[in-house]
PDB file of N, CA and C in Angstrom:
ATOM      1  N   ILE A   1      69.958 148.538  54.598  1.00  0.00           N
ATOM      2  CA  ILE A   1      70.448 149.311  54.540  1.00  0.00           C
ATOM      3  C   ILE A   1      71.062 148.832  52.909  1.00  0.00           C
ATOM      4  N   LEU A   2      70.656 149.062  51.933  1.00  0.00           N
ATOM      5  CA  LEU A   2      71.324 148.612  50.546  1.00  0.00           C
ATOM      6  C   LEU A   2      72.425 149.179  49.655  1.00  0.00           C
ATOM      7  N   PRO A   3      73.157 148.568  49.745  1.00  0.00           N
ATOM      8  CA  PRO A   3      74.610 149.263  49.343  1.00  0.00           C
ATOM      9  C   PRO A   3      74.249 150.200  48.330  1.00  0.00           C
ATOM     10  N   GLN A   4      75.174 151.198  48.217  1.00  0.00           N
ATOM     11  CA  GLN A   4      74.601 152.601  47.582  1.00  0.00           C
ATOM     12  C   GLN A   4      75.616 152.525  46.066  1.00  0.00           C
ATOM     13  N   GLU A   5      76.850 151.815  46.086  1.00  0.00           N
ATOM     14  CA  GLU A   5      77.702 151.518  45.045  1.00  0.00           C
ATOM     15  C   GLU A   5      78.128 149.484  44.791  1.00  0.00           C
ATOM     16  N   ALA A   6      78.722 149.805  43.603  1.00  0.00           N
ATOM     17  CA  ALA A   6      79.484 148.650  43.719  1.00  0.00           C
ATOM     18  C   ALA A   6      80.880 148.291  42.759  1.00  0.00           C
ATOM     19  N   PHE A   7      80.935 147.133  42.380  1.00  0.00           N
ATOM     20  CA  PHE A   7      82.180 146.998  41.946  1.00  0.00           C
ATOM     21  C   PHE A   7      82.883 145.746  40.981  1.00  0.00           C
ATOM     22  N   PHE A   8      83.522 146.804  39.720  1.00  0.00           N
ATOM     23  CA  PHE A   8      83.675 146.169  38.541  1.00  0.00           C
ATOM     24  C   PHE A   8      85.166 145.383  38.869  1.00  0.00           C
ATOM     25  N   PHE A   9      85.802 144.328  38.419  1.00  0.00           N
ATOM     26  CA  PHE A   9      86.824 143.911  38.364  1.00  0.00           C
ATOM     27  C   PHE A   9      87.404 143.385  37.569  1.00  0.00           C
ATOM     28  N   HIS A  10      88.657 143.826  37.121  1.00  0.00           N
ATOM     29  CA  HIS A  10      90.088 143.134  36.131  1.00  0.00           C
ATOM     30  C   HIS A  10      90.464 142.614  37.010  1.00  0.00           C
ATOM     31  N   CYS A  11      90.494 141.939  37.053  1.00  0.00           N
ATOM     32  CA  CYS A  11      91.979 141.246  37.635  1.00  0.00           C
ATOM     33  C   CYS A  11      93.109 140.426  37.365  1.00  0.00           C
ATOM     34  N   PRO A  12      94.823 140.830  37.690  1.00  0.00           N
ATOM     35  CA  PRO A  12      94.271 142.086  39.324  1.00  0.00           C
ATOM     36  C   PRO A  12      94.714 143.276  38.876  1.00  0.00           C
ATOM     37  N   PHE A  13      94.073 144.240  38.285  1.00  0.00           N
ATOM     38  CA  PHE A  13      95.153 145.064  37.969  1.00  0.00           C
ATOM     39  C   PHE A  13      93.959 146.392  38.397  1.00  0.00           C
ATOM     40  N   LEU A  14      92.463 145.852  38.258  1.00  0.00           N
ATOM     41  CA  LEU A  14      91.735 147.162  38.448  1.00  0.00           C
ATOM     42  C   LEU A  14      90.318 146.891  39.260  1.00  0.00           C
ATOM     43  N   LEU A  15      90.054 147.950  39.654  1.00  0.00           N
ATOM     44  CA  LEU A  15      88.967 147.783  40.142  1.00  0.00           C
ATOM     45  C   LEU A  15      87.818 149.165  40.467  1.00  0.00           C
ATOM     46  N   GLU A  16      87.001 149.248  39.902  1.00  0.00           N
ATOM     47  CA  GLU A  16      86.548 150.259  39.504  1.00  0.00           C
ATOM     48  C   GLU A  16      85.227 150.644  40.622  1.00  0.00           C
ATOM     49  N   ARG A  17      84.817 151.735  40.792  1.00  0.00           N
ATOM     50  CA  ARG A  17      83.214 151.664  41.528  1.00  0.00           C
ATOM     51  C   ARG A  17      82.265 152.868  40.999  1.00  0.00           C
ATOM     52  N   PHE A  18      81.358 152.006  40.901  1.00  0.00           N
ATOM     53  CA  PHE A  18      80.181 152.443  40.403  1.00  0.00           C
ATOM     54  C   PHE A  18      79.108 153.125  41.495  1.00  0.00           C
ATOM     55  N   LYS A  19      78.148 154.158  41.356  1.00  0.00           N
ATOM     56  CA  LYS A  19      77.508 154.680  41.752  1.00  0.00           C
ATOM     57  C   LYS A  19      75.907 154.163  41.266  1.00  0.00           C
ATOM     58  N   ALA A  20      75.083 154.297  41.503  1.00  0.00           N
ATOM     59  CA  ALA A  20      73.574 153.664  40.856  1.00  0.00           C
ATOM     60  C   ALA A  20      73.511 154.975  39.082  1.00  0.00           C
ATOM     61  N   GLY A  21      73.601 154.367  38.145  1.00  0.00           N
ATOM     62  CA  GLY A  21      73.323 155.536  36.965  1.00  0.00           C
ATOM     63  C   GLY A  21      74.899 155.542  35.995  1.00  0.00           C
ATOM     64  N   GLU A  22      75.937 155.664  36.821  1.00  0.00           N
ATOM     65  CA  GLU A  22      77.018 155.187  35.856  1.00  0.00           C
ATOM     66  C   GLU A  22      77.489 154.114  34.964  1.00  0.00           C
ATOM     67  N   GLN A  23      77.898 155.338  33.998  1.00  0.00           N
ATOM     68  CA  GLN A  23      78.430 154.566  33.220  1.00  0.00           C
ATOM     69  C   GLN A  23      79.697 154.155  32.890  1.00  0.00           C
ATOM     70  N   LEU A  24      80.184 153.292  31.981  1.00  0.00           N
ATOM     71  CA  LEU A  24      81.644 152.847  32.032  1.00  0.00           C
ATOM     72  C   LEU A  24      81.737 152.485  30.119  1.00  0.00           C
ATOM     73  N   VAL A  25      82.935 153.245  29.696  1.00  0.00           N
ATOM     74  CA  VAL A  25      82.520 152.592  28.310  1.00  0.00           C
ATOM     75  C   VAL A  25      83.703 152.041  27.969  1.00  0.00           C
ATOM     76  N   LEU A  26      83.962 150.471  27.131  1.00  0.00           N
ATOM     77  CA  LEU A  26      84.867 150.103  27.297  1.00  0.00           C
ATOM     78  C   LEU A  26      85.780 149.746  25.781  1.00  0.00           C
ATOM     79  N   GLY A  27      87.042 150.393  25.464  1.00  0.00           N
ATOM     80  CA  GLY A  27      87.239 150.286  24.427  1.00  0.00           C
ATOM     81  C   GLY A  27      88.636 150.900  23.666  1.00  0.00           C
ATOM     82  N   ARG A  28      89.242 150.860  22.584  1.00  0.00           N
ATOM     83  CA  ARG A  28      90.654 150.750  22.522  1.00  0.00           C
ATOM     84  C   ARG A  28      90.639 152.660  22.157  1.00  0.00           C
ATOM     85  N   ASP A  29      89.526 153.595  21.884  1.00  0.00           N
ATOM     86  CA  ASP A  29      89.585 154.567  21.354  1.00  0.00           C
ATOM     87  C   ASP A  29      89.950 155.680  22.868  1.00  0.00           C
ATOM     88  N   PRO A  30      90.723 156.464  23.571  1.00  0.00           N
ATOM     89  CA  PRO A  30      90.982 157.493  24.687  1.00  0.00           C
ATOM     90  C   PRO A  30      89.941 158.647  24.312  1.00  0.00           C
ATOM     91  N   LYS A  31      89.423 158.670  23.181  1.00  0.00           N
ATOM     92  CA  LYS A  31      88.333 160.013  23.365  1.00  0.00           C
ATOM     93  C   LYS A  31      87.289 159.543  23.698  1.00  0.00           C
ATOM     94  N   GLN A  32      87.031 158.361  23.196  1.00  0.00           N
ATOM     95  CA  GLN A  32      85.440 157.928  23.744  1.00  0.00           C
ATOM     96  C   GLN A  32      85.715 156.425  25.382  1.00  0.00           C
ATOM     97  N   ALA A  33      86.294 156.249  25.253  1.00  0.00           N
ATOM     98  CA  ALA A  33      86.438 155.040  26.620  1.00  0.00           C
ATOM     99  C   ALA A  33      86.814 155.645  27.368  1.00  0.00           C
ATOM    100  N   GLY A  34      86.351 154.969  28.795  1.00  0.00           N
ATOM    101  CA  GLY A  34      86.458 155.523  30.045  1.00  0.00           C
ATOM    102  C   GLY A  34      87.670 154.702  30.532  1.00  0.00           C
ATOM    103  N   LEU A  35      87.858 153.433  29.667  1.00  0.00           N
ATOM    104  CA  LEU A  35      88.238 152.449  29.945  1.00  0.00           C
ATOM    105  C   LEU A  35      89.419 152.119  28.467  1.00  0.00           C
ATOM    106  N   ILE A  36      90.838 152.089  28.448  1.00  0.00           N
ATOM    107  CA  ILE A  36      91.190 151.880  27.059  1.00  0.00           C
ATOM    108  C   ILE A  36      91.703 150.056  27.577  1.00  0.00           C
ATOM    109  N   ILE A  37      90.849 149.620  26.746  1.00  0.00           N
ATOM    110  CA  ILE A  37      91.526 147.904  25.911  1.00  0.00           C
ATOM    111  C   ILE A  37      92.322 147.533  24.880  1.00  0.00           C
ATOM    112  N   GLU A  38      93.779 148.289  24.832  1.00  0.00           N
ATOM    113  CA  GLU A  38      94.220 146.993  23.388  1.00  0.00           C
ATOM    114  C   GLU A  38      93.920 145.766  23.160  1.00  0.00           C
ATOM    115  N   GLY A  39      93.974 145.715  21.475  1.00  0.00           N
ATOM    116  CA  GLY A  39      93.806 144.665  20.930  1.00  0.00           C
ATOM    117  C   GLY A  39      93.247 144.456  19.583  1.00  0.00           C
ATOM    118  N   GLN A  40      93.714 143.562  18.966  1.00  0.00           N
ATOM    119  CA  GLN A  40      93.086 143.776  17.318  1.00  0.00           C
ATOM    120  C   GLN A  40      91.560 143.642  16.895  1.00  0.00           C
ATOM    121  N   LYS A  41      90.839 142.849  18.290  1.00  0.00           N
ATOM    122  CA  LYS A  41      89.638 142.601  18.232  1.00  0.00           C
ATOM    123  C   LYS A  41      88.609 143.625  19.232  1.00  0.00           C
ATOM    124  N   ILE A  42      89.284 144.205  19.807  1.00  0.00           N
ATOM    125  CA  ILE A  42      88.241 145.100  19.915  1.00  0.00           C
ATOM    126  C   ILE A  42      88.200 146.825  19.432  1.00  0.00           C
ATOM    127  N   SER A  43      86.518 147.122  19.686  1.00  0.00           N
ATOM    128  CA  SER A  43      86.562 148.530  18.755  1.00  0.00           C
ATOM    129  C   SER A  43      86.798 150.115  19.441  1.00  0.00           C
ATOM    130  N   ARG A  44      86.776 150.704  18.582  1.00  0.00           N
ATOM    131  CA  ARG A  44      87.095 151.757  19.137  1.00  0.00           C
ATOM    132  C   ARG A  44      86.090 152.203  20.767  1.00  0.00           C
ATOM    133  N   VAL A  45      84.600 151.553  20.112  1.00  0.00           N
ATOM    134  CA  VAL A  45      83.788 151.281  21.299  1.00  0.00           C
ATOM    135  C   VAL A  45      83.351 150.086  21.758  1.00  0.00           C
ATOM    136  N   HIS A  46      84.171 149.247  22.416  1.00  0.00           N
ATOM    137  CA  HIS A  46      83.650 147.664  22.394  1.00  0.00           C
ATOM    138  C   HIS A  46      81.987 147.732  22.699  1.00  0.00           C
ATOM    139  N   CYS A  47      81.902 148.391  24.355  1.00  0.00           N
ATOM    140  CA  CYS A  47      81.081 148.431  24.836  1.00  0.00           C
ATOM    141  C   CYS A  47      80.667 149.379  26.169  1.00  0.00           C
ATOM    142  N   VAL A  48      79.645 149.130  26.533  1.00  0.00           N
ATOM    143  CA  VAL A  48      79.094 150.251  28.268  1.00  0.00           C
ATOM    144  C   VAL A  48      78.379 148.880  29.132  1.00  0.00           C
ATOM    145  N   VAL A  49      78.949 149.084  29.919  1.00  0.00           N
ATOM    146  CA  VAL A  49      78.695 148.711  31.199  1.00  0.00           C
ATOM    147  C   VAL A  49      77.766 150.458  31.863  1.00  0.00           C
ATOM    148  N   GLU A  50      76.788 149.864  33.097  1.00  0.00           N
ATOM    149  CA  GLU A  50      75.849 150.657  33.196  1.00  0.00           C
ATOM    150  C   GLU A  50      75.644 150.061  34.847  1.00  0.00           C
ATOM    151  N   TYR A  51      75.918 150.412  36.042  1.00  0.00           N
ATOM    152  CA  TYR A  51      75.396 150.092  37.285  1.00  0.00           C
ATOM    153  C   TYR A  51      74.164 151.397  36.831  1.00  0.00           C
ATOM    154  N   LYS A  52      72.804 150.075  37.756  1.00  0.00           N
ATOM    155  CA  LYS A  52      71.632 150.582  37.238  1.00  0.00           C
ATOM    156  C   LYS A  52      70.968 149.994  39.281  1.00  0.00           C
ATOM    157  N   GLY A  53      72.149 149.892  40.304  1.00  0.00           N
ATOM    158  CA  GLY A  53      71.396 149.511  41.540  1.00  0.00           C
ATOM    159  C   GLY A  53      71.493 148.096  41.909  1.00  0.00           C
ATOM    160  N   PHE A  54      71.404 148.536  43.583  1.00  0.00           N
ATOM    161  CA  PHE A  54      71.732 147.100  43.819  1.00  0.00           C
ATOM    162  C   PHE A  54      70.213 146.170  43.184  1.00  0.00           C
ATOM    163  N   GLU A  55      69.573 146.737  43.303  1.00  0.00           N
ATOM    164  CA  GLU A  55      68.902 145.397  43.016  1.00  0.00           C
ATOM    165  C   GLU A  55      68.327 144.786  41.809  1.00  0.00           C
ATOM    166  N   GLN A  56      68.990 145.828  40.538  1.00  0.00           N
ATOM    167  CA  GLN A  56      68.914 145.389  39.489  1.00  0.00           C
ATOM    168  C   GLN A  56      69.862 145.359  38.550  1.00  0.00           C
ATOM    169  N   GLY A  57      71.319 145.543  39.654  1.00  0.00           N
ATOM    170  CA  GLY A  57      72.617 145.104  38.665  1.00  0.00           C
ATOM    171  C   GLY A  57      73.268 146.059  37.708  1.00  0.00           C
ATOM    172  N   TYR A  58      73.728 145.504  36.943  1.00  0.00           N
ATOM    173  CA  TYR A  58      73.654 145.782  35.647  1.00  0.00           C
ATOM    174  C   TYR A  58      73.440 145.456  33.899  1.00  0.00           C
ATOM    175  N   LEU A  59      73.842 146.464  33.281  1.00  0.00           N
ATOM    176  CA  LEU A  59      73.735 146.513  31.987  1.00  0.00           C
ATOM    177  C   LEU A  59      74.609 146.248  30.909  1.00  0.00           C
ATOM    178  N   VAL A  60      74.900 145.626  30.583  1.00  0.00           N
ATOM    179  CA  VAL A  60      76.137 145.442  29.235  1.00  0.00           C
ATOM    180  C   VAL A  60      75.320 145.543  27.948  1.00  0.00           C
ATOM    181  N   THR A  61      76.012 146.323  26.817  1.00  0.00           N
ATOM    182  CA  THR A  61      75.222 147.009  26.030  1.00  0.00           C
ATOM    183  C   THR A  61      76.701 146.591  24.149  1.00  0.00           C
ATOM    184  N   ASP A  62      76.778 145.631  24.101  1.00  0.00           N
ATOM    185  CA  ASP A  62      78.083 145.552  23.504  1.00  0.00           C
ATOM    186  C   ASP A  62      77.898 146.357  21.900  1.00  0.00           C
ATOM    187  N   CYS A  63      78.975 147.344  21.659  1.00  0.00           N
ATOM    188  CA  CYS A  63      78.534 148.550  20.180  1.00  0.00           C
ATOM    189  C   CYS A  63      79.831 147.894  19.022  1.00  0.00           C
ATOM    190  N   SER A  64      80.118 146.571  19.283  1.00  0.00           N
ATOM    191  CA  SER A  64      81.023 146.499  18.972  1.00  0.00           C
ATOM    192  C   SER A  64      80.990 145.100  16.958  1.00  0.00           C
ATOM    193  N   ARG A  65      81.727 144.718  16.578  1.00  0.00           N
ATOM    194  CA  ARG A  65      81.899 144.297  15.287  1.00  0.00           C
ATOM    195  C   ARG A  65      82.033 142.393  16.253  1.00  0.00           C
ATOM    196  N   ASN A  66      82.671 142.570  16.862  1.00  0.00           N
ATOM    197  CA  ASN A  66      83.524 141.274  17.136  1.00  0.00           C
ATOM    198  C   ASN A  66      82.746 140.785  18.413  1.00  0.00           C
ATOM    199  N   GLY A  67      81.722 141.410  19.029  1.00  0.00           N
ATOM    200  CA  GLY A  67      81.004 140.458  20.391  1.00  0.00           C
ATOM    201  C   GLY A  67      81.659 140.262  21.497  1.00  0.00           C
ATOM    202  N   VAL A  68      80.428 140.737  22.489  1.00  0.00           N
ATOM    203  CA  VAL A  68      81.075 140.293  24.136  1.00  0.00           C
ATOM    204  C   VAL A  68      80.116 138.848  24.554  1.00  0.00           C
ATOM    205  N   GLN A  69      80.288 138.234  25.027  1.00  0.00           N
ATOM    206  CA  GLN A  69      80.187 137.050  26.360  1.00  0.00           C
ATOM    207  C   GLN A  69      79.910 137.439  27.536  1.00  0.00           C
ATOM    208  N   ILE A  70      79.501 137.074  28.350  1.00  0.00           N
ATOM    209  CA  ILE A  70      78.510 137.260  29.650  1.00  0.00           C
ATOM    210  C   ILE A  70      79.039 135.475  30.035  1.00  0.00           C
ATOM    211  N   ASN A  71      79.733 135.198  30.947  1.00  0.00           N
ATOM    212  CA  ASN A  71      79.808 133.773  31.200  1.00  0.00           C
ATOM    213  C   ASN A  71      79.590 133.039  30.397  1.00  0.00           C
ATOM    214  N   GLY A  72      80.439 133.332  29.538  1.00  0.00           N
ATOM    215  CA  GLY A  72      80.450 132.186  28.033  1.00  0.00           C
ATOM    216  C   GLY A  72      79.423 132.440  27.045  1.00  0.00           C
ATOM    217  N   ARG A  73      78.262 133.624  27.143  1.00  0.00           N
ATOM    218  CA  ARG A  73      78.068 133.322  26.262  1.00  0.00           C
ATOM    219  C   ARG A  73      77.603 134.838  25.667  1.00  0.00           C
ATOM    220  N   GLN A  74      77.690 134.387  23.700  1.00  0.00           N
ATOM    221  CA  GLN A  74      77.124 135.462  23.050  1.00  0.00           C
ATOM    222  C   GLN A  74      76.185 136.797  23.809  1.00  0.00           C
ATOM    223  N   ILE A  75      76.290 138.116  23.991  1.00  0.00           N
ATOM    224  CA  ILE A  75      74.963 138.276  23.976  1.00  0.00           C
ATOM    225  C   ILE A  75      74.924 139.153  22.631  1.00  0.00           C
ATOM    226  N   GLU A  76      73.499 139.403  22.524  1.00  0.00           N
ATOM    227  CA  GLU A  76      73.008 140.515  21.594  1.00  0.00           C
ATOM    228  C   GLU A  76      73.336 141.861  21.325  1.00  0.00           C
ATOM    229  N   PRO A  77      74.086 142.160  19.447  1.00  0.00           N
ATOM    230  CA  PRO A  77      74.648 143.360  19.561  1.00  0.00           C
ATOM    231  C   PRO A  77      73.621 144.712  19.792  1.00  0.00           C
ATOM    232  N   ARG A  78      73.924 145.820  20.456  1.00  0.00           N
ATOM    233  CA  ARG A  78      73.152 146.699  20.728  1.00  0.00           C
ATOM    234  C   ARG A  78      71.525 146.586  21.585  1.00  0.00           C
ATOM    235  N   VAL A  79      71.791 145.449  22.306  1.00  0.00           N
ATOM    236  CA  VAL A  79      70.859 145.307  23.084  1.00  0.00           C
ATOM    237  C   VAL A  79      71.023 145.221  24.298  1.00  0.00           C
ATOM    238  N   PRO A  80      70.922 146.458  25.349  1.00  0.00           N
ATOM    239  CA  PRO A  80      71.680 145.763  26.627  1.00  0.00           C
ATOM    240  C   PRO A  80      71.090 144.341  27.137  1.00  0.00           C
ATOM    241  N   ALA A  81      71.399 144.164  27.783  1.00  0.00           N
ATOM    242  CA  ALA A  81      71.580 142.714  28.235  1.00  0.00           C
ATOM    243  C   ALA A  81      71.747 143.038  30.373  1.00  0.00           C
ATOM    244  N   ARG A  82      70.996 141.906  30.488  1.00  0.00           N
ATOM    245  CA  ARG A  82      71.313 142.394  32.225  1.00  0.00           C
ATOM    246  C   ARG A  82      72.302 141.584  33.194  1.00  0.00           C
ATOM    247  N   VAL A  83      73.378 141.936  33.613  1.00  0.00           N
ATOM    248  CA  VAL A  83      74.220 141.048  34.218  1.00  0.00           C
ATOM    249  C   VAL A  83      73.879 141.387  35.846  1.00  0.00           C
ATOM    250  N   LYS A  84      73.955 139.823  36.485  1.00  0.00           N
ATOM    251  CA  LYS A  84      73.660 139.882  37.719  1.00  0.00           C
ATOM    252  C   LYS A  84      75.495 139.966  38.288  1.00  0.00           C
ATOM    253  N   CYS A  85      75.532 140.330  39.326  1.00  0.00           N
ATOM    254  CA  CYS A  85      76.947 140.237  40.221  1.00  0.00           C
ATOM    255  C   CYS A  85      77.496 138.791  39.989  1.00  0.00           C
ATOM    256  N   GLY A  86      78.671 138.663  40.007  1.00  0.00           N
ATOM    257  CA  GLY A  86      79.261 137.594  39.751  1.00  0.00           C
ATOM    258  C   GLY A  86      79.386 136.623  38.677  1.00  0.00           C
ATOM    259  N   SER A  87      79.063 137.722  37.996  1.00  0.00           N
ATOM    260  CA  SER A  87      78.906 137.096  36.349  1.00  0.00           C
ATOM    261  C   SER A  87      80.215 138.062  35.524  1.00  0.00           C
ATOM    262  N   LYS A  88      81.213 136.986  34.519  1.00  0.00           N
ATOM    263  CA  LYS A  88      81.273 137.277  33.650  1.00  0.00           C
ATOM    264  C   LYS A  88      81.290 138.068  32.826  1.00  0.00           C
ATOM    265  N   LEU A  89      82.447 138.637  32.222  1.00  0.00           N
ATOM    266  CA  LEU A  89      82.440 139.538  30.668  1.00  0.00           C
ATOM    267  C   LEU A  89      83.421 139.359  30.259  1.00  0.00           C
ATOM    268  N   MET A  90      83.861 139.016  29.163  1.00  0.00           N
ATOM    269  CA  MET A  90      85.219 138.535  28.141  1.00  0.00           C
ATOM    270  C   MET A  90      84.917 139.220  27.130  1.00  0.00           C
ATOM    271  N   LEU A  91      86.262 140.292  26.566  1.00  0.00           N
ATOM    272  CA  LEU A  91      85.959 140.571  25.146  1.00  0.00           C
ATOM    273  C   LEU A  91      86.978 139.527  24.467  1.00  0.00           C
ATOM    274  N   PRO A  92      86.896 139.860  23.153  1.00  0.00           N
ATOM    275  CA  PRO A  92      86.783 139.367  22.225  1.00  0.00           C
ATOM    276  C   PRO A  92      88.490 138.544  22.080  1.00  0.00           C
ATOM    277  N   GLY A  93      88.962 137.224  21.731  1.00  0.00           N
ATOM    278  CA  GLY A  93      90.231 137.194  21.947  1.00  0.00           C
ATOM    279  C   GLY A  93      90.677 136.358  23.342  1.00  0.00           C
ATOM    280  N   GLY A  94      89.971 136.822  24.506  1.00  0.00           N
ATOM    281  CA  GLY A  94      90.721 136.890  25.459  1.00  0.00           C
ATOM    282  C   GLY A  94      91.489 137.822  26.049  1.00  0.00           C
ATOM    283  N   GLU A  95      91.022 139.219  25.363  1.00  0.00           N
ATOM    284  CA  GLU A  95      91.917 140.346  25.846  1.00  0.00           C
ATOM    285  C   GLU A  95      91.639 141.098  26.742  1.00  0.00           C
ATOM    286  N   ALA A  96      90.654 140.726  27.520  1.00  0.00           N
ATOM    287  CA  ALA A  96      90.455 141.416  29.121  1.00  0.00           C
ATOM    288  C   ALA A  96      89.013 140.086  29.140  1.00  0.00           C
ATOM    289  N   VAL A  97      88.981 140.083  30.525  1.00  0.00           N
ATOM    290  CA  VAL A  97      87.902 139.567  31.341  1.00  0.00           C
ATOM    291  C   VAL A  97      87.594 139.952  32.251  1.00  0.00           C
ATOM    292  N   PHE A  98      86.834 140.866  33.161  1.00  0.00           N
ATOM    293  CA  PHE A  98      86.023 141.533  34.311  1.00  0.00           C
ATOM    294  C   PHE A  98      84.856 140.653  34.476  1.00  0.00           C
ATOM    295  N   GLN A  99      84.719 140.975  35.875  1.00  0.00           N
ATOM    296  CA  GLN A  99      83.882 139.909  36.857  1.00  0.00           C
ATOM    297  C   GLN A  99      82.969 141.604  37.409  1.00  0.00           C
ATOM    298  N   PHE A 100      81.822 141.320  37.937  1.00  0.00           N
ATOM    299  CA  PHE A 100      80.834 141.877  38.504  1.00  0.00           C
ATOM    300  C   PHE A 100      80.908 141.594  39.840  1.00  0.00           C
ATOM    301  N   LEU A 101      81.201 142.758  41.096  1.00  0.00           N
ATOM    302  CA  LEU A 101      81.389 142.565  41.584  1.00  0.00           C
ATOM    303  C   LEU A 101      79.931 143.456  42.929  1.00  0.00           C
TER     304      LEU A 101
END
């Protein structure tokens, strides 16, 4: 039996539960983002995280001007990047680090 849910973790404060097909917008605009992140280098809509299911993992789309890193590497803007469980997502300036569980 494959798990129907996955988790996105920001130590030590947040554990977001995902079901396949769900998205979470990270950014500083409370009208657009489901997870509000404060910071000078954080865009109103900084990135979108989508859980595709157990076998496909996550997609992360950088919607910002200042970028998103996965495991220390910058991802290409506006191109969904496939991310495996255990990977770390970092926003610019070290404003926030998340891990995909």
